[in-house]
Amino acid sequence: MNLQTAIQLRILELIKERKWSVNKLAERSGIAPSSLKRTVKPYATIKNTSTETIQKICYGLEIPFKEFWNSELFDDLDYEE
């Protein structure tokens, strides 16, 4: 799995845990819903989510930045050149 896919799945996992919609997370994070949807939906067009965006997502989720990365999804990533 590549890093962007792992990020996408992690965001969806965290949303599901809270029973939130993508729109609710976007609102709480100060991110445009359309931007977040372009990151997490099956038709995702964003190929490299910035650390700034992840920080905003963490703020919206009320979790520390390092907790975002605390997932098995990030254990065996494919190396990309």
C-alpha atoms as a PDB file:
ATOM      1  CA  MET A   1       0.000   0.000   0.000  1.00  0.00           C
ATOM      2  CA  ASN A   2       1.271   3.477  -0.753  1.00  0.00           C
ATOM      3  CA  LEU A   3       1.344   6.330   1.763  1.00  0.00           C
ATOM      4  CA  GLN A   4      -1.568   8.282   0.254  1.00  0.00           C
ATOM      5  CA  THR A   5      -3.826   5.222   0.349  1.00  0.00           C
ATOM      6  CA  ALA A   6      -2.886   4.627   4.000  1.00  0.00           C
ATOM      7  CA  ILE A   7      -3.683   8.275   4.823  1.00  0.00           C
ATOM      8  CA  GLN A   8      -7.010   8.012   3.011  1.00  0.00           C
ATOM      9  CA  LEU A   9      -7.944   4.826   4.888  1.00  0.00           C
ATOM     10  CA  ARG A  10      -6.819   6.260   8.234  1.00  0.00           C
ATOM     11  CA  ILE A  11      -9.005   9.342   7.816  1.00  0.00           C
ATOM     12  CA  LEU A  12     -11.979   7.155   6.915  1.00  0.00           C
ATOM     13  CA  GLU A  13     -11.253   4.893   9.887  1.00  0.00           C
ATOM     14  CA  LEU A  14     -11.203   7.828  12.303  1.00  0.00           C
ATOM     15  CA  ILE A  15     -14.416   9.251  10.829  1.00  0.00           C
ATOM     16  CA  LYS A  16     -16.137   5.885  11.134  1.00  0.00           C
ATOM     17  CA  GLU A  17     -15.082   5.505  14.782  1.00  0.00           C
ATOM     18  CA  ARG A  18     -16.863   8.766  15.556  1.00  0.00           C
ATOM     19  CA  LYS A  19     -19.835   8.086  13.282  1.00  0.00           C
ATOM     20  CA  TRP A  20     -19.152  11.369  11.491  1.00  0.00           C
ATOM     21  CA  SER A  21     -19.518  12.355   7.865  1.00  0.00           C
ATOM     22  CA  VAL A  22     -16.702  13.716   5.743  1.00  0.00           C
ATOM     23  CA  ASN A  23     -18.529  17.057   5.799  1.00  0.00           C
ATOM     24  CA  LYS A  24     -18.578  17.135   9.598  1.00  0.00           C
ATOM     25  CA  LEU A  25     -14.840  16.458   9.800  1.00  0.00           C
ATOM     26  CA  ALA A  26     -14.180  19.124   7.175  1.00  0.00           C
ATOM     27  CA  GLU A  27     -16.231  21.671   9.098  1.00  0.00           C
ATOM     28  CA  ARG A  28     -14.518  20.880  12.413  1.00  0.00           C
ATOM     29  CA  SER A  29     -11.089  20.960  10.752  1.00  0.00           C
ATOM     30  CA  GLY A  30     -11.491  24.181   8.796  1.00  0.00           C
ATOM     31  CA  ILE A  31     -11.055  22.382   5.480  1.00  0.00           C
ATOM     32  CA  ALA A  32     -13.341  22.811   2.487  1.00  0.00           C
ATOM     33  CA  PRO A  33     -15.563  19.712   2.236  1.00  0.00           C
ATOM     34  CA  SER A  34     -14.732  19.388  -1.455  1.00  0.00           C
ATOM     35  CA  SER A  35     -11.008  19.283  -0.655  1.00  0.00           C
ATOM     36  CA  LEU A  36     -11.427  16.600   1.962  1.00  0.00           C
ATOM     37  CA  LYS A  37     -13.644  14.563  -0.360  1.00  0.00           C
ATOM     38  CA  ARG A  38     -10.950  14.768  -3.047  1.00  0.00           C
ATOM     39  CA  THR A  39      -8.631  13.173  -0.472  1.00  0.00           C
ATOM     40  CA  VAL A  40     -10.784  10.358   0.906  1.00  0.00           C
ATOM     41  CA  LYS A  41     -13.382   9.317  -1.629  1.00  0.00           C
ATOM     42  CA  PRO A  42     -12.822   6.453  -4.113  1.00  0.00           C
ATOM     43  CA  TYR A  43     -12.415   9.061  -6.869  1.00  0.00           C
ATOM     44  CA  ALA A  44      -9.713  10.855  -4.841  1.00  0.00           C
ATOM     45  CA  THR A  45      -7.681  13.239  -6.961  1.00  0.00           C
ATOM     46  CA  ILE A  46      -5.304  14.490  -4.273  1.00  0.00           C
ATOM     47  CA  LYS A  47      -2.201  12.360  -4.492  1.00  0.00           C
ATOM     48  CA  ASN A  48      -0.121  13.892  -1.708  1.00  0.00           C
ATOM     49  CA  THR A  49      -1.937  15.078   1.418  1.00  0.00           C
ATOM     50  CA  SER A  50       0.134  17.735   3.158  1.00  0.00           C
ATOM     51  CA  THR A  51       1.193  17.515   6.774  1.00  0.00           C
ATOM     52  CA  GLU A  52      -0.629  20.828   7.290  1.00  0.00           C
ATOM     53  CA  THR A  53      -3.878  19.218   6.153  1.00  0.00           C
ATOM     54  CA  ILE A  54      -3.297  16.235   8.436  1.00  0.00           C
ATOM     55  CA  GLN A  55      -2.618  18.632  11.311  1.00  0.00           C
ATOM     56  CA  LYS A  56      -5.949  20.365  10.629  1.00  0.00           C
ATOM     57  CA  ILE A  57      -7.694  16.992  10.530  1.00  0.00           C
ATOM     58  CA  CYS A  58      -6.138  16.092  13.880  1.00  0.00           C
ATOM     59  CA  TYR A  59      -7.383  19.394  15.296  1.00  0.00           C
ATOM     60  CA  GLY A  60     -10.880  18.612  14.056  1.00  0.00           C
ATOM     61  CA  LEU A  61     -10.713  15.112  15.525  1.00  0.00           C
ATOM     62  CA  GLU A  62      -9.254  16.489  18.765  1.00  0.00           C
ATOM     63  CA  ILE A  63      -6.329  14.056  18.655  1.00  0.00           C
ATOM     64  CA  PRO A  64      -2.569  14.656  18.863  1.00  0.00           C
ATOM     65  CA  PHE A  65      -0.766  14.693  15.511  1.00  0.00           C
ATOM     66  CA  LYS A  66       1.231  11.596  16.442  1.00  0.00           C
ATOM     67  CA  GLU A  67      -1.955   9.630  17.157  1.00  0.00           C
ATOM     68  CA  PHE A  68      -2.956   9.947  13.508  1.00  0.00           C
ATOM     69  CA  TRP A  69       0.082   7.856  12.551  1.00  0.00           C
ATOM     70  CA  ASN A  70      -0.539   5.251  15.264  1.00  0.00           C
ATOM     71  CA  SER A  71      -2.093   2.655  12.964  1.00  0.00           C
ATOM     72  CA  GLU A  72      -1.069  -0.628  11.382  1.00  0.00           C
ATOM     73  CA  LEU A  73      -1.918   0.982   8.045  1.00  0.00           C
ATOM     74  CA  PHE A  74       1.485   2.680   8.151  1.00  0.00           C
ATOM     75  CA  ASP A  75       3.493  -0.448   9.073  1.00  0.00           C
ATOM     76  CA  ASP A  76       4.236  -1.871   5.626  1.00  0.00           C
ATOM     77  CA  LEU A  77       4.137   0.929   3.101  1.00  0.00           C
ATOM     78  CA  ASP A  78       5.457   0.504  -0.411  1.00  0.00           C
ATOM     79  CA  TYR A  79       8.454   2.669  -1.179  1.00  0.00           C
ATOM     80  CA  GLU A  80       7.798   5.224  -3.922  1.00  0.00           C
ATOM     81  CA  GLU A  81      10.500   7.041  -5.829  1.00  0.00           C
END
